Structure formats: structure tokens, C-alpha cells
Amino acid sequence: QVQLVESGGGLVQAGTSLRLSCRASGSIFSIAAISIATMAWYRQAPGKQRELVAHITSGGSTNYTDSVKGRFAISRDNAKNTVYLQMNSLKPEDTGVYYCNSLSRRYSWGQGTQVTVSS
């Protein structure tokens, strides 16, 4: 069983930055699985479906949804069982609850971290 805990959100003004963290915990076997999984960040805006924002393979290859390309950067530190999302030049449309999971959404969802960007 893997637990995912997101943190780092907040209320910020447009144009500023935030760095989100997602730490995984669980058995040694489940953590080993995380280290080779493609991990992803998702977000859910009010009244909208959860959407994929970015993902990163175990080898470090990354991919982003068009709306965040050039502004967001996903990274991972397997030694710390943590995935990060650096968000720069934030826009009001980036507002939402941010979650991490594997790209296949294999694990139970955490509580997410709220990001609110004011104009």
C-alpha cells in the first residue's frame, strides 16, 4: 500500500512561483515500485474534471500539457521518494487542487494541495 502526500500549495499572485512536493510512503516493495513508475501531477479546477498536468518517467523524461509548457517543471528524487512540480509564472487558470499519482493512476489518491492564483 502506497500513501501519497502532496504539499506546497498556497495562495499566490499571478506571475509568482510555487514548488509542490509529493512524498510517497509505504512498504519497501511498494516504494521500489514507485521508483520505476512514471509519476505524474494532476490538477482539478473547481467544477472541472481532474486533468493530467505533467509526467516523468523513471529515467527522467518529461512531458507537459500544452497550457503549462515552458512554465512548469516536474522532477523526482527517488532517494527521497518524492516528486516535485516547480510552477513558475503562475496564472489564475492554474488554480485548483493538485494531486500526484502514477501515470496509470495506480495508487489511492492523496488529499491534494490547493493552489490558488489571484489576478
PDB file of N, CA and C in Angstrom:
ATOM      1  N   GLN A   1       0.848  -1.193   0.000  1.00  0.00           N
ATOM      2  CA  GLN A   1       0.000   0.000   0.000  1.00  0.00           C
ATOM      3  C   GLN A   1       0.881   1.240   0.000  1.00  0.00           C
ATOM      4  N   VAL A   2       0.614   2.134  -0.917  1.00  0.00           N
ATOM      5  CA  VAL A   2       1.375   3.378  -1.025  1.00  0.00           C
ATOM      6  C   VAL A   2       0.505   4.540  -0.584  1.00  0.00           C
ATOM      7  N   GLN A   3       1.075   5.404   0.203  1.00  0.00           N
ATOM      8  CA  GLN A   3       0.402   6.650   0.570  1.00  0.00           C
ATOM      9  C   GLN A   3       1.131   7.807  -0.120  1.00  0.00           C
ATOM     10  N   LEU A   4       0.360   8.669  -0.730  1.00  0.00           N
ATOM     11  CA  LEU A   4       0.904   9.842  -1.416  1.00  0.00           C
ATOM     12  C   LEU A   4       0.462  11.090  -0.662  1.00  0.00           C
ATOM     13  N   VAL A   5       1.416  11.927  -0.310  1.00  0.00           N
ATOM     14  CA  VAL A   5       1.109  13.136   0.442  1.00  0.00           C
ATOM     15  C   VAL A   5       1.656  14.338  -0.317  1.00  0.00           C
ATOM     16  N   GLU A   6       0.754  15.183  -0.777  1.00  0.00           N
ATOM     17  CA  GLU A   6       1.129  16.386  -1.516  1.00  0.00           C
ATOM     18  C   GLU A   6       1.226  17.580  -0.564  1.00  0.00           C
ATOM     19  N   SER A   7       2.120  18.489  -0.884  1.00  0.00           N
ATOM     20  CA  SER A   7       2.280  19.694  -0.075  1.00  0.00           C
ATOM     21  C   SER A   7       2.868  20.808  -0.931  1.00  0.00           C
ATOM     22  N   GLY A   8       2.846  22.018  -0.383  1.00  0.00           N
ATOM     23  CA  GLY A   8       3.484  23.143  -1.043  1.00  0.00           C
ATOM     24  C   GLY A   8       2.557  24.137  -1.703  1.00  0.00           C
ATOM     25  N   GLY A   9       1.272  23.859  -1.687  1.00  0.00           N
ATOM     26  CA  GLY A   9       0.334  24.778  -2.312  1.00  0.00           C
ATOM     27  C   GLY A   9       0.148  26.046  -1.485  1.00  0.00           C
ATOM     28  N   GLY A  10      -0.642  26.947  -2.008  1.00  0.00           N
ATOM     29  CA  GLY A  10      -0.909  28.179  -1.294  1.00  0.00           C
ATOM     30  C   GLY A  10      -1.663  29.179  -2.141  1.00  0.00           C
ATOM     31  N   LEU A  11      -1.850  30.353  -1.575  1.00  0.00           N
ATOM     32  CA  LEU A  11      -2.498  31.464  -2.268  1.00  0.00           C
ATOM     33  C   LEU A  11      -1.410  32.431  -2.720  1.00  0.00           C
ATOM     34  N   VAL A  12      -1.301  32.613  -4.027  1.00  0.00           N
ATOM     35  CA  VAL A  12      -0.234  33.457  -4.566  1.00  0.00           C
ATOM     36  C   VAL A  12      -0.804  34.378  -5.644  1.00  0.00           C
ATOM     37  N   GLN A  13      -0.034  35.393  -5.968  1.00  0.00           N
ATOM     38  CA  GLN A  13      -0.434  36.303  -7.036  1.00  0.00           C
ATOM     39  C   GLN A  13       0.054  35.773  -8.386  1.00  0.00           C
ATOM     40  N   ALA A  14      -0.640  36.171  -9.416  1.00  0.00           N
ATOM     41  CA  ALA A  14      -0.230  35.791 -10.762  1.00  0.00           C
ATOM     42  C   ALA A  14       1.194  36.261 -11.030  1.00  0.00           C
ATOM     43  N   GLY A  15       1.949  35.423 -11.715  1.00  0.00           N
ATOM     44  CA  GLY A  15       3.319  35.753 -12.057  1.00  0.00           C
ATOM     45  C   GLY A  15       4.355  35.220 -11.084  1.00  0.00           C
ATOM     46  N   THR A  16       3.893  34.733  -9.960  1.00  0.00           N
ATOM     47  CA  THR A  16       4.828  34.205  -8.962  1.00  0.00           C
ATOM     48  C   THR A  16       5.003  32.698  -9.127  1.00  0.00           C
ATOM     49  N   SER A  17       5.731  32.094  -8.182  1.00  0.00           N
ATOM     50  CA  SER A  17       6.089  30.680  -8.298  1.00  0.00           C
ATOM     51  C   SER A  17       5.710  29.900  -7.051  1.00  0.00           C
ATOM     52  N   LEU A  18       5.530  28.608  -7.243  1.00  0.00           N
ATOM     53  CA  LEU A  18       5.342  27.664  -6.150  1.00  0.00           C
ATOM     54  C   LEU A  18       6.069  26.381  -6.508  1.00  0.00           C
ATOM     55  N   ARG A  19       6.473  25.654  -5.488  1.00  0.00           N
ATOM     56  CA  ARG A  19       7.056  24.339  -5.696  1.00  0.00           C
ATOM     57  C   ARG A  19       6.256  23.330  -4.882  1.00  0.00           C
ATOM     58  N   LEU A  20       5.637  22.402  -5.585  1.00  0.00           N
ATOM     59  CA  LEU A  20       4.867  21.356  -4.943  1.00  0.00           C
ATOM     60  C   LEU A  20       5.733  20.117  -4.725  1.00  0.00           C
ATOM     61  N   SER A  21       5.421  19.400  -3.663  1.00  0.00           N
ATOM     62  CA  SER A  21       6.117  18.143  -3.376  1.00  0.00           C
ATOM     63  C   SER A  21       5.099  17.035  -3.188  1.00  0.00           C
ATOM     64  N   CYS A  22       5.477  15.841  -3.556  1.00  0.00           N
ATOM     65  CA  CYS A  22       4.650  14.666  -3.346  1.00  0.00           C
ATOM     66  C   CYS A  22       5.550  13.571  -2.811  1.00  0.00           C
ATOM     67  N   ARG A  23       5.320  13.218  -1.574  1.00  0.00           N
ATOM     68  CA  ARG A  23       6.144  12.191  -0.953  1.00  0.00           C
ATOM     69  C   ARG A  23       5.361  10.897  -0.843  1.00  0.00           C
ATOM     70  N   ALA A  24       6.004   9.822  -1.257  1.00  0.00           N
ATOM     71  CA  ALA A  24       5.383   8.503  -1.192  1.00  0.00           C
ATOM     72  C   ALA A  24       5.922   7.739  -0.001  1.00  0.00           C
ATOM     73  N   SER A  25       5.055   7.005   0.644  1.00  0.00           N
ATOM     74  CA  SER A  25       5.479   6.151   1.742  1.00  0.00           C
ATOM     75  C   SER A  25       4.736   4.830   1.637  1.00  0.00           C
ATOM     76  N   GLY A  26       5.298   3.815   2.287  1.00  0.00           N
ATOM     77  CA  GLY A  26       4.688   2.501   2.240  1.00  0.00           C
ATOM     78  C   GLY A  26       5.724   1.424   2.445  1.00  0.00           C
ATOM     79  N   SER A  27       5.365   0.241   2.062  1.00  0.00           N
ATOM     80  CA  SER A  27       6.294  -0.868   2.238  1.00  0.00           C
ATOM     81  C   SER A  27       7.479  -0.715   1.296  1.00  0.00           C
ATOM     82  N   ILE A  28       8.542  -1.423   1.608  1.00  0.00           N
ATOM     83  CA  ILE A  28       9.740  -1.321   0.786  1.00  0.00           C
ATOM     84  C   ILE A  28       9.458  -1.787  -0.628  1.00  0.00           C
ATOM     85  N   PHE A  29       8.548  -2.721  -0.775  1.00  0.00           N
ATOM     86  CA  PHE A  29       8.227  -3.215  -2.109  1.00  0.00           C
ATOM     87  C   PHE A  29       7.412  -2.202  -2.897  1.00  0.00           C
ATOM     88  N   SER A  30       6.485  -1.541  -2.225  1.00  0.00           N
ATOM     89  CA  SER A  30       5.680  -0.550  -2.920  1.00  0.00           C
ATOM     90  C   SER A  30       6.520   0.674  -3.272  1.00  0.00           C
ATOM     91  N   ILE A  31       7.455   1.050  -2.404  1.00  0.00           N
ATOM     92  CA  ILE A  31       8.320   2.181  -2.702  1.00  0.00           C
ATOM     93  C   ILE A  31       9.246   1.835  -3.875  1.00  0.00           C
ATOM     94  N   ALA A  32       9.680   0.596  -3.927  1.00  0.00           N
ATOM     95  CA  ALA A  32      10.506   0.171  -5.054  1.00  0.00           C
ATOM     96  C   ALA A  32       9.723   0.284  -6.358  1.00  0.00           C
ATOM     97  N   ALA A  33       8.449  -0.032  -6.298  1.00  0.00           N
ATOM     98  CA  ALA A  33       7.609   0.091  -7.495  1.00  0.00           C
ATOM     99  C   ALA A  33       7.465   1.543  -7.907  1.00  0.00           C
ATOM    100  N   ILE A  34       7.333   2.421  -6.934  1.00  0.00           N
ATOM    101  CA  ILE A  34       7.226   3.859  -7.235  1.00  0.00           C
ATOM    102  C   ILE A  34       8.460   4.344  -7.976  1.00  0.00           C
ATOM    103  N   SER A  35       9.612   3.847  -7.568  1.00  0.00           N
ATOM    104  CA  SER A  35      10.869   4.345  -8.132  1.00  0.00           C
ATOM    105  C   SER A  35      11.015   4.022  -9.617  1.00  0.00           C
ATOM    106  N   ILE A  36      10.288   3.038 -10.096  1.00  0.00           N
ATOM    107  CA  ILE A  36      10.373   2.702 -11.514  1.00  0.00           C
ATOM    108  C   ILE A  36       9.114   3.098 -12.273  1.00  0.00           C
ATOM    109  N   ALA A  37       8.163   3.691 -11.569  1.00  0.00           N
ATOM    110  CA  ALA A  37       6.917   4.095 -12.221  1.00  0.00           C
ATOM    111  C   ALA A  37       7.055   5.466 -12.866  1.00  0.00           C
ATOM    112  N   THR A  38       6.292   5.652 -13.909  1.00  0.00           N
ATOM    113  CA  THR A  38       6.140   7.011 -14.445  1.00  0.00           C
ATOM    114  C   THR A  38       5.165   7.732 -13.524  1.00  0.00           C
ATOM    115  N   MET A  39       5.638   8.819 -12.931  1.00  0.00           N
ATOM    116  CA  MET A  39       4.827   9.554 -11.975  1.00  0.00           C
ATOM    117  C   MET A  39       4.303  10.831 -12.610  1.00  0.00           C
ATOM    118  N   ALA A  40       3.192  11.297 -12.076  1.00  0.00           N
ATOM    119  CA  ALA A  40       2.526  12.427 -12.717  1.00  0.00           C
ATOM    120  C   ALA A  40       1.906  13.363 -11.696  1.00  0.00           C
ATOM    121  N   TRP A  41       1.735  14.582 -12.121  1.00  0.00           N
ATOM    122  CA  TRP A  41       0.944  15.560 -11.400  1.00  0.00           C
ATOM    123  C   TRP A  41      -0.347  15.804 -12.159  1.00  0.00           C
ATOM    124  N   TYR A  42      -1.433  15.895 -11.398  1.00  0.00           N
ATOM    125  CA  TYR A  42      -2.743  16.178 -11.947  1.00  0.00           C
ATOM    126  C   TYR A  42      -3.298  17.399 -11.223  1.00  0.00           C
ATOM    127  N   ARG A  43      -4.286  18.029 -11.812  1.00  0.00           N
ATOM    128  CA  ARG A  43      -4.970  19.099 -11.098  1.00  0.00           C
ATOM    129  C   ARG A  43      -6.454  19.049 -11.417  1.00  0.00           C
ATOM    130  N   GLN A  44      -7.201  19.549 -10.460  1.00  0.00           N
ATOM    131  CA  GLN A  44      -8.648  19.605 -10.626  1.00  0.00           C
ATOM    132  C   GLN A  44      -9.123  21.000 -10.267  1.00  0.00           C
ATOM    133  N   ALA A  45      -9.577  21.717 -11.277  1.00  0.00           N
ATOM    134  CA  ALA A  45     -10.121  23.055 -11.064  1.00  0.00           C
ATOM    135  C   ALA A  45     -11.566  22.930 -10.614  1.00  0.00           C
ATOM    136  N   PRO A  46     -12.072  23.954  -9.947  1.00  0.00           N
ATOM    137  CA  PRO A  46     -13.461  23.907  -9.484  1.00  0.00           C
ATOM    138  C   PRO A  46     -14.433  23.630 -10.627  1.00  0.00           C
ATOM    139  N   GLY A  47     -15.256  22.628 -10.440  1.00  0.00           N
ATOM    140  CA  GLY A  47     -16.273  22.306 -11.432  1.00  0.00           C
ATOM    141  C   GLY A  47     -15.769  21.585 -12.663  1.00  0.00           C
ATOM    142  N   LYS A  48     -14.500  21.191 -12.641  1.00  0.00           N
ATOM    143  CA  LYS A  48     -13.924  20.519 -13.808  1.00  0.00           C
ATOM    144  C   LYS A  48     -13.368  19.154 -13.422  1.00  0.00           C
ATOM    145  N   GLN A  49     -13.129  18.351 -14.448  1.00  0.00           N
ATOM    146  CA  GLN A  49     -12.546  17.039 -14.206  1.00  0.00           C
ATOM    147  C   GLN A  49     -11.055  17.155 -13.913  1.00  0.00           C
ATOM    148  N   ARG A  50     -10.546  16.161 -13.235  1.00  0.00           N
ATOM    149  CA  ARG A  50      -9.118  16.109 -12.956  1.00  0.00           C
ATOM    150  C   ARG A  50      -8.368  15.922 -14.277  1.00  0.00           C
ATOM    151  N   GLU A  51      -7.313  16.708 -14.459  1.00  0.00           N
ATOM    152  CA  GLU A  51      -6.555  16.637 -15.702  1.00  0.00           C
ATOM    153  C   GLU A  51      -5.081  16.373 -15.423  1.00  0.00           C
ATOM    154  N   LEU A  52      -4.445  15.733 -16.379  1.00  0.00           N
ATOM    155  CA  LEU A  52      -3.015  15.469 -16.303  1.00  0.00           C
ATOM    156  C   LEU A  52      -2.254  16.744 -16.628  1.00  0.00           C
ATOM    157  N   VAL A  53      -1.297  17.091 -15.772  1.00  0.00           N
ATOM    158  CA  VAL A  53      -0.517  18.304 -15.970  1.00  0.00           C
ATOM    159  C   VAL A  53       0.873  17.974 -16.513  1.00  0.00           C
ATOM    160  N   ALA A  54       1.529  16.998 -15.894  1.00  0.00           N
ATOM    161  CA  ALA A  54       2.899  16.658 -16.289  1.00  0.00           C
ATOM    162  C   ALA A  54       3.210  15.249 -15.807  1.00  0.00           C
ATOM    163  N   HIS A  55       4.145  14.599 -16.512  1.00  0.00           N
ATOM    164  CA  HIS A  55       4.597  13.317 -16.007  1.00  0.00           C
ATOM    165  C   HIS A  55       6.088  13.142 -16.260  1.00  0.00           C
ATOM    166  N   ILE A  56       6.674  12.242 -15.501  1.00  0.00           N
ATOM    167  CA  ILE A  56       8.111  11.992 -15.582  1.00  0.00           C
ATOM    168  C   ILE A  56       8.363  10.497 -15.483  1.00  0.00           C
ATOM    169  N   THR A  57       9.169   9.986 -16.391  1.00  0.00           N
ATOM    170  CA  THR A  57       9.490   8.561 -16.361  1.00  0.00           C
ATOM    171  C   THR A  57      10.568   8.287 -15.312  1.00  0.00           C
ATOM    172  N   SER A  58      10.827   7.033 -15.072  1.00  0.00           N
ATOM    173  CA  SER A  58      11.874   6.668 -14.120  1.00  0.00           C
ATOM    174  C   SER A  58      13.235   7.146 -14.602  1.00  0.00           C
ATOM    175  N   GLY A  59      13.376   7.289 -15.901  1.00  0.00           N
ATOM    176  CA  GLY A  59      14.635   7.755 -16.467  1.00  0.00           C
ATOM    177  C   GLY A  59      14.758   9.257 -16.556  1.00  0.00           C
ATOM    178  N   GLY A  60      13.690   9.966 -16.175  1.00  0.00           N
ATOM    179  CA  GLY A  60      13.753  11.420 -16.153  1.00  0.00           C
ATOM    180  C   GLY A  60      13.170  12.129 -17.352  1.00  0.00           C
ATOM    181  N   SER A  61      12.616  11.393 -18.302  1.00  0.00           N
ATOM    182  CA  SER A  61      11.963  12.048 -19.436  1.00  0.00           C
ATOM    183  C   SER A  61      10.655  12.661 -18.970  1.00  0.00           C
ATOM    184  N   THR A  62      10.375  13.846 -19.474  1.00  0.00           N
ATOM    185  CA  THR A  62       9.205  14.586 -19.002  1.00  0.00           C
ATOM    186  C   THR A  62       8.265  14.939 -20.138  1.00  0.00           C
ATOM    187  N   ASN A  63       7.027  15.199 -19.763  1.00  0.00           N
ATOM    188  CA  ASN A  63       6.015  15.615 -20.729  1.00  0.00           C
ATOM    189  C   ASN A  63       5.019  16.510 -20.011  1.00  0.00           C
ATOM    190  N   TYR A  64       4.525  17.522 -20.742  1.00  0.00           N
ATOM    191  CA  TYR A  64       3.636  18.512 -20.116  1.00  0.00           C
ATOM    192  C   TYR A  64       2.411  18.764 -20.988  1.00  0.00           C
ATOM    193  N   THR A  65       1.324  19.097 -20.328  1.00  0.00           N
ATOM    194  CA  THR A  65       0.180  19.557 -21.079  1.00  0.00           C
ATOM    195  C   THR A  65       0.512  20.930 -21.662  1.00  0.00           C
ATOM    196  N   ASP A  66      -0.081  21.250 -22.790  1.00  0.00           N
ATOM    197  CA  ASP A  66       0.307  22.454 -23.520  1.00  0.00           C
ATOM    198  C   ASP A  66       0.207  23.730 -22.679  1.00  0.00           C
ATOM    199  N   SER A  67      -0.777  23.804 -21.814  1.00  0.00           N
ATOM    200  CA  SER A  67      -1.027  25.043 -21.082  1.00  0.00           C
ATOM    201  C   SER A  67       0.061  25.377 -20.065  1.00  0.00           C
ATOM    202  N   VAL A  68       0.910  24.405 -19.726  1.00  0.00           N
ATOM    203  CA  VAL A  68       1.955  24.666 -18.719  1.00  0.00           C
ATOM    204  C   VAL A  68       3.359  24.561 -19.288  1.00  0.00           C
ATOM    205  N   LYS A  69       3.487  24.207 -20.554  1.00  0.00           N
ATOM    206  CA  LYS A  69       4.808  24.079 -21.166  1.00  0.00           C
ATOM    207  C   LYS A  69       5.577  25.382 -21.059  1.00  0.00           C
ATOM    208  N   GLY A  70       6.833  25.268 -20.640  1.00  0.00           N
ATOM    209  CA  GLY A  70       7.680  26.440 -20.505  1.00  0.00           C
ATOM    210  C   GLY A  70       7.536  27.144 -19.165  1.00  0.00           C
ATOM    211  N   ARG A  71       6.531  26.748 -18.384  1.00  0.00           N
ATOM    212  CA  ARG A  71       6.314  27.386 -17.071  1.00  0.00           C
ATOM    213  C   ARG A  71       6.492  26.400 -15.910  1.00  0.00           C
ATOM    214  N   PHE A  72       6.123  25.163 -16.118  1.00  0.00           N
ATOM    215  CA  PHE A  72       6.200  24.152 -15.064  1.00  0.00           C
ATOM    216  C   PHE A  72       7.335  23.179 -15.355  1.00  0.00           C
ATOM    217  N   ALA A  73       7.894  22.622 -14.294  1.00  0.00           N
ATOM    218  CA  ALA A  73       8.938  21.609 -14.438  1.00  0.00           C
ATOM    219  C   ALA A  73       8.727  20.516 -13.401  1.00  0.00           C
ATOM    220  N   ILE A  74       8.612  19.292 -13.872  1.00  0.00           N
ATOM    221  CA  ILE A  74       8.454  18.151 -12.976  1.00  0.00           C
ATOM    222  C   ILE A  74       9.810  17.493 -12.793  1.00  0.00           C
ATOM    223  N   SER A  75      10.061  17.029 -11.581  1.00  0.00           N
ATOM    224  CA  SER A  75      11.312  16.337 -11.295  1.00  0.00           C
ATOM    225  C   SER A  75      11.046  15.296 -10.212  1.00  0.00           C
ATOM    226  N   ARG A  76      12.041  14.453  -9.976  1.00  0.00           N
ATOM    227  CA  ARG A  76      11.860  13.419  -8.965  1.00  0.00           C
ATOM    228  C   ARG A  76      13.187  13.145  -8.269  1.00  0.00           C
ATOM    229  N   ASP A  77      13.079  12.734  -7.030  1.00  0.00           N
ATOM    230  CA  ASP A  77      14.235  12.313  -6.245  1.00  0.00           C
ATOM    231  C   ASP A  77      13.872  10.958  -5.650  1.00  0.00           C
ATOM    232  N   ASN A  78      14.296   9.908  -6.304  1.00  0.00           N
ATOM    233  CA  ASN A  78      13.920   8.568  -5.855  1.00  0.00           C
ATOM    234  C   ASN A  78      14.491   8.245  -4.482  1.00  0.00           C
ATOM    235  N   ALA A  79      15.618   8.826  -4.150  1.00  0.00           N
ATOM    236  CA  ALA A  79      16.200   8.574  -2.830  1.00  0.00           C
ATOM    237  C   ALA A  79      15.303   9.105  -1.717  1.00  0.00           C
ATOM    238  N   LYS A  80      14.530  10.128  -2.047  1.00  0.00           N
ATOM    239  CA  LYS A  80      13.620  10.717  -1.070  1.00  0.00           C
ATOM    240  C   LYS A  80      12.172  10.318  -1.321  1.00  0.00           C
ATOM    241  N   ASN A  81      11.969   9.443  -2.295  1.00  0.00           N
ATOM    242  CA  ASN A  81      10.600   9.007  -2.631  1.00  0.00           C
ATOM    243  C   ASN A  81       9.686  10.202  -2.895  1.00  0.00           C
ATOM    244  N   THR A  82      10.210  11.195  -3.584  1.00  0.00           N
ATOM    245  CA  THR A  82       9.484  12.444  -3.750  1.00  0.00           C
ATOM    246  C   THR A  82       9.498  12.901  -5.207  1.00  0.00           C
ATOM    247  N   VAL A  83       8.351  13.414  -5.628  1.00  0.00           N
ATOM    248  CA  VAL A  83       8.198  14.024  -6.943  1.00  0.00           C
ATOM    249  C   VAL A  83       7.863  15.490  -6.722  1.00  0.00           C
ATOM    250  N   TYR A  84       8.445  16.346  -7.538  1.00  0.00           N
ATOM    251  CA  TYR A  84       8.256  17.783  -7.386  1.00  0.00           C
ATOM    252  C   TYR A  84       7.579  18.376  -8.623  1.00  0.00           C
ATOM    253  N   LEU A  85       6.937  19.519  -8.416  1.00  0.00           N
ATOM    254  CA  LEU A  85       6.417  20.292  -9.538  1.00  0.00           C
ATOM    255  C   LEU A  85       6.756  21.756  -9.274  1.00  0.00           C
ATOM    256  N   GLN A  86       7.718  22.266 -10.022  1.00  0.00           N
ATOM    257  CA  GLN A  86       8.074  23.682  -9.945  1.00  0.00           C
ATOM    258  C   GLN A  86       7.157  24.438 -10.882  1.00  0.00           C
ATOM    259  N   MET A  87       6.429  25.386 -10.335  1.00  0.00           N
ATOM    260  CA  MET A  87       5.453  26.135 -11.128  1.00  0.00           C
ATOM    261  C   MET A  87       5.859  27.601 -11.136  1.00  0.00           C
ATOM    262  N   ASN A  88       6.191  28.101 -12.308  1.00  0.00           N
ATOM    263  CA  ASN A  88       6.599  29.494 -12.469  1.00  0.00           C
ATOM    264  C   ASN A  88       5.565  30.248 -13.293  1.00  0.00           C
ATOM    265  N   SER A  89       5.629  31.561 -13.220  1.00  0.00           N
ATOM    266  CA  SER A  89       4.721  32.424 -13.999  1.00  0.00           C
ATOM    267  C   SER A  89       3.284  31.947 -13.864  1.00  0.00           C
ATOM    268  N   LEU A  90       2.865  31.747 -12.646  1.00  0.00           N
ATOM    269  CA  LEU A  90       1.532  31.208 -12.399  1.00  0.00           C
ATOM    270  C   LEU A  90       0.444  32.131 -12.925  1.00  0.00           C
ATOM    271  N   LYS A  91      -0.627  31.528 -13.397  1.00  0.00           N
ATOM    272  CA  LYS A  91      -1.779  32.237 -13.934  1.00  0.00           C
ATOM    273  C   LYS A  91      -3.021  31.856 -13.142  1.00  0.00           C
ATOM    274  N   PRO A  92      -4.031  32.707 -13.145  1.00  0.00           N
ATOM    275  CA  PRO A  92      -5.270  32.351 -12.423  1.00  0.00           C
ATOM    276  C   PRO A  92      -5.858  31.022 -12.881  1.00  0.00           C
ATOM    277  N   GLU A  93      -5.688  30.690 -14.140  1.00  0.00           N
ATOM    278  CA  GLU A  93      -6.225  29.423 -14.649  1.00  0.00           C
ATOM    279  C   GLU A  93      -5.461  28.200 -14.139  1.00  0.00           C
ATOM    280  N   ASP A  94      -4.367  28.414 -13.417  1.00  0.00           N
ATOM    281  CA  ASP A  94      -3.659  27.307 -12.789  1.00  0.00           C
ATOM    282  C   ASP A  94      -4.281  26.929 -11.441  1.00  0.00           C
ATOM    283  N   THR A  95      -5.251  27.684 -11.013  1.00  0.00           N
ATOM    284  CA  THR A  95      -5.916  27.420  -9.734  1.00  0.00           C
ATOM    285  C   THR A  95      -6.572  26.049  -9.726  1.00  0.00           C
ATOM    286  N   GLY A  96      -6.411  25.342  -8.622  1.00  0.00           N
ATOM    287  CA  GLY A  96      -7.028  24.030  -8.485  1.00  0.00           C
ATOM    288  C   GLY A  96      -6.353  23.241  -7.381  1.00  0.00           C
ATOM    289  N   VAL A  97      -6.839  22.034  -7.189  1.00  0.00           N
ATOM    290  CA  VAL A  97      -6.198  21.110  -6.254  1.00  0.00           C
ATOM    291  C   VAL A  97      -5.264  20.225  -7.064  1.00  0.00           C
ATOM    292  N   TYR A  98      -4.031  20.154  -6.626  1.00  0.00           N
ATOM    293  CA  TYR A  98      -3.004  19.391  -7.338  1.00  0.00           C
ATOM    294  C   TYR A  98      -2.752  18.071  -6.618  1.00  0.00           C
ATOM    295  N   TYR A  99      -2.708  17.013  -7.401  1.00  0.00           N
ATOM    296  CA  TYR A  99      -2.504  15.671  -6.893  1.00  0.00           C
ATOM    297  C   TYR A  99      -1.349  15.014  -7.652  1.00  0.00           C
ATOM    298  N   CYS A 100      -0.722  14.059  -7.002  1.00  0.00           N
ATOM    299  CA  CYS A 100       0.234  13.227  -7.733  1.00  0.00           C
ATOM    300  C   CYS A 100      -0.249  11.784  -7.706  1.00  0.00           C
ATOM    301  N   ASN A 101       0.202  11.036  -8.670  1.00  0.00           N
ATOM    302  CA  ASN A 101      -0.115   9.619  -8.785  1.00  0.00           C
ATOM    303  C   ASN A 101       0.763   9.074  -9.892  1.00  0.00           C
ATOM    304  N   SER A 102       0.706   7.795 -10.114  1.00  0.00           N
ATOM    305  CA  SER A 102       1.390   7.271 -11.274  1.00  0.00           C
ATOM    306  C   SER A 102       0.592   7.658 -12.517  1.00  0.00           C
ATOM    307  N   LEU A 103       1.226   7.579 -13.666  1.00  0.00           N
ATOM    308  CA  LEU A 103       0.529   7.925 -14.896  1.00  0.00           C
ATOM    309  C   LEU A 103      -0.657   6.997 -15.133  1.00  0.00           C
ATOM    310  N   SER A 104      -0.567   5.791 -14.626  1.00  0.00           N
ATOM    311  CA  SER A 104      -1.664   4.839 -14.760  1.00  0.00           C
ATOM    312  C   SER A 104      -2.687   4.981 -13.640  1.00  0.00           C
ATOM    313  N   ARG A 105      -2.479   5.982 -12.769  1.00  0.00           N
ATOM    314  CA  ARG A 105      -3.394   6.227 -11.633  1.00  0.00           C
ATOM    315  C   ARG A 105      -3.559   4.975 -10.784  1.00  0.00           C
ATOM    316  N   ARG A 106      -2.457   4.325 -10.545  1.00  0.00           N
ATOM    317  CA  ARG A 106      -2.474   3.032  -9.876  1.00  0.00           C
ATOM    318  C   ARG A 106      -2.755   3.135  -8.387  1.00  0.00           C
ATOM    319  N   TYR A 107      -2.361   4.242  -7.787  1.00  0.00           N
ATOM    320  CA  TYR A 107      -2.399   4.339  -6.337  1.00  0.00           C
ATOM    321  C   TYR A 107      -3.609   5.138  -5.854  1.00  0.00           C
ATOM    322  N   SER A 108      -3.928   4.969  -4.578  1.00  0.00           N
ATOM    323  CA  SER A 108      -5.014   5.752  -3.997  1.00  0.00           C
ATOM    324  C   SER A 108      -4.629   7.228  -3.993  1.00  0.00           C
ATOM    325  N   TRP A 109      -5.595   8.063  -4.275  1.00  0.00           N
ATOM    326  CA  TRP A 109      -5.329   9.490  -4.316  1.00  0.00           C
ATOM    327  C   TRP A 109      -5.069  10.049  -2.918  1.00  0.00           C
ATOM    328  N   GLY A 110      -4.133  10.971  -2.823  1.00  0.00           N
ATOM    329  CA  GLY A 110      -3.909  11.685  -1.588  1.00  0.00           C
ATOM    330  C   GLY A 110      -4.940  12.794  -1.430  1.00  0.00           C
ATOM    331  N   GLN A 111      -4.685  13.661  -0.467  1.00  0.00           N
ATOM    332  CA  GLN A 111      -5.642  14.740  -0.205  1.00  0.00           C
ATOM    333  C   GLN A 111      -5.434  15.919  -1.148  1.00  0.00           C
ATOM    334  N   GLY A 112      -4.309  15.921  -1.843  1.00  0.00           N
ATOM    335  CA  GLY A 112      -4.016  17.019  -2.753  1.00  0.00           C
ATOM    336  C   GLY A 112      -3.543  18.256  -2.005  1.00  0.00           C
ATOM    337  N   THR A 113      -3.100  19.226  -2.778  1.00  0.00           N
ATOM    338  CA  THR A 113      -2.678  20.504  -2.205  1.00  0.00           C
ATOM    339  C   THR A 113      -3.306  21.624  -3.033  1.00  0.00           C
ATOM    340  N   GLN A 114      -3.928  22.565  -2.363  1.00  0.00           N
ATOM    341  CA  GLN A 114      -4.672  23.630  -3.035  1.00  0.00           C
ATOM    342  C   GLN A 114      -3.729  24.716  -3.530  1.00  0.00           C
ATOM    343  N   VAL A 115      -3.878  25.067  -4.783  1.00  0.00           N
ATOM    344  CA  VAL A 115      -3.155  26.191  -5.372  1.00  0.00           C
ATOM    345  C   VAL A 115      -4.190  27.203  -5.834  1.00  0.00           C
ATOM    346  N   THR A 116      -4.075  28.416  -5.333  1.00  0.00           N
ATOM    347  CA  THR A 116      -4.980  29.486  -5.727  1.00  0.00           C
ATOM    348  C   THR A 116      -4.146  30.658  -6.231  1.00  0.00           C
ATOM    349  N   VAL A 117      -4.386  31.049  -7.469  1.00  0.00           N
ATOM    350  CA  VAL A 117      -3.627  32.140  -8.087  1.00  0.00           C
ATOM    351  C   VAL A 117      -4.569  33.309  -8.310  1.00  0.00           C
ATOM    352  N   SER A 118      -4.263  34.408  -7.675  1.00  0.00           N
ATOM    353  CA  SER A 118      -5.105  35.601  -7.819  1.00  0.00           C
ATOM    354  C   SER A 118      -4.545  36.509  -8.909  1.00  0.00           C
ATOM    355  N   SER A 119      -5.435  37.217  -9.559  1.00  0.00           N
ATOM    356  CA  SER A 119      -5.013  38.101 -10.658  1.00  0.00           C
ATOM    357  C   SER A 119      -4.641  39.481 -10.156  1.00  0.00           C
TER     358      SER A 119
END
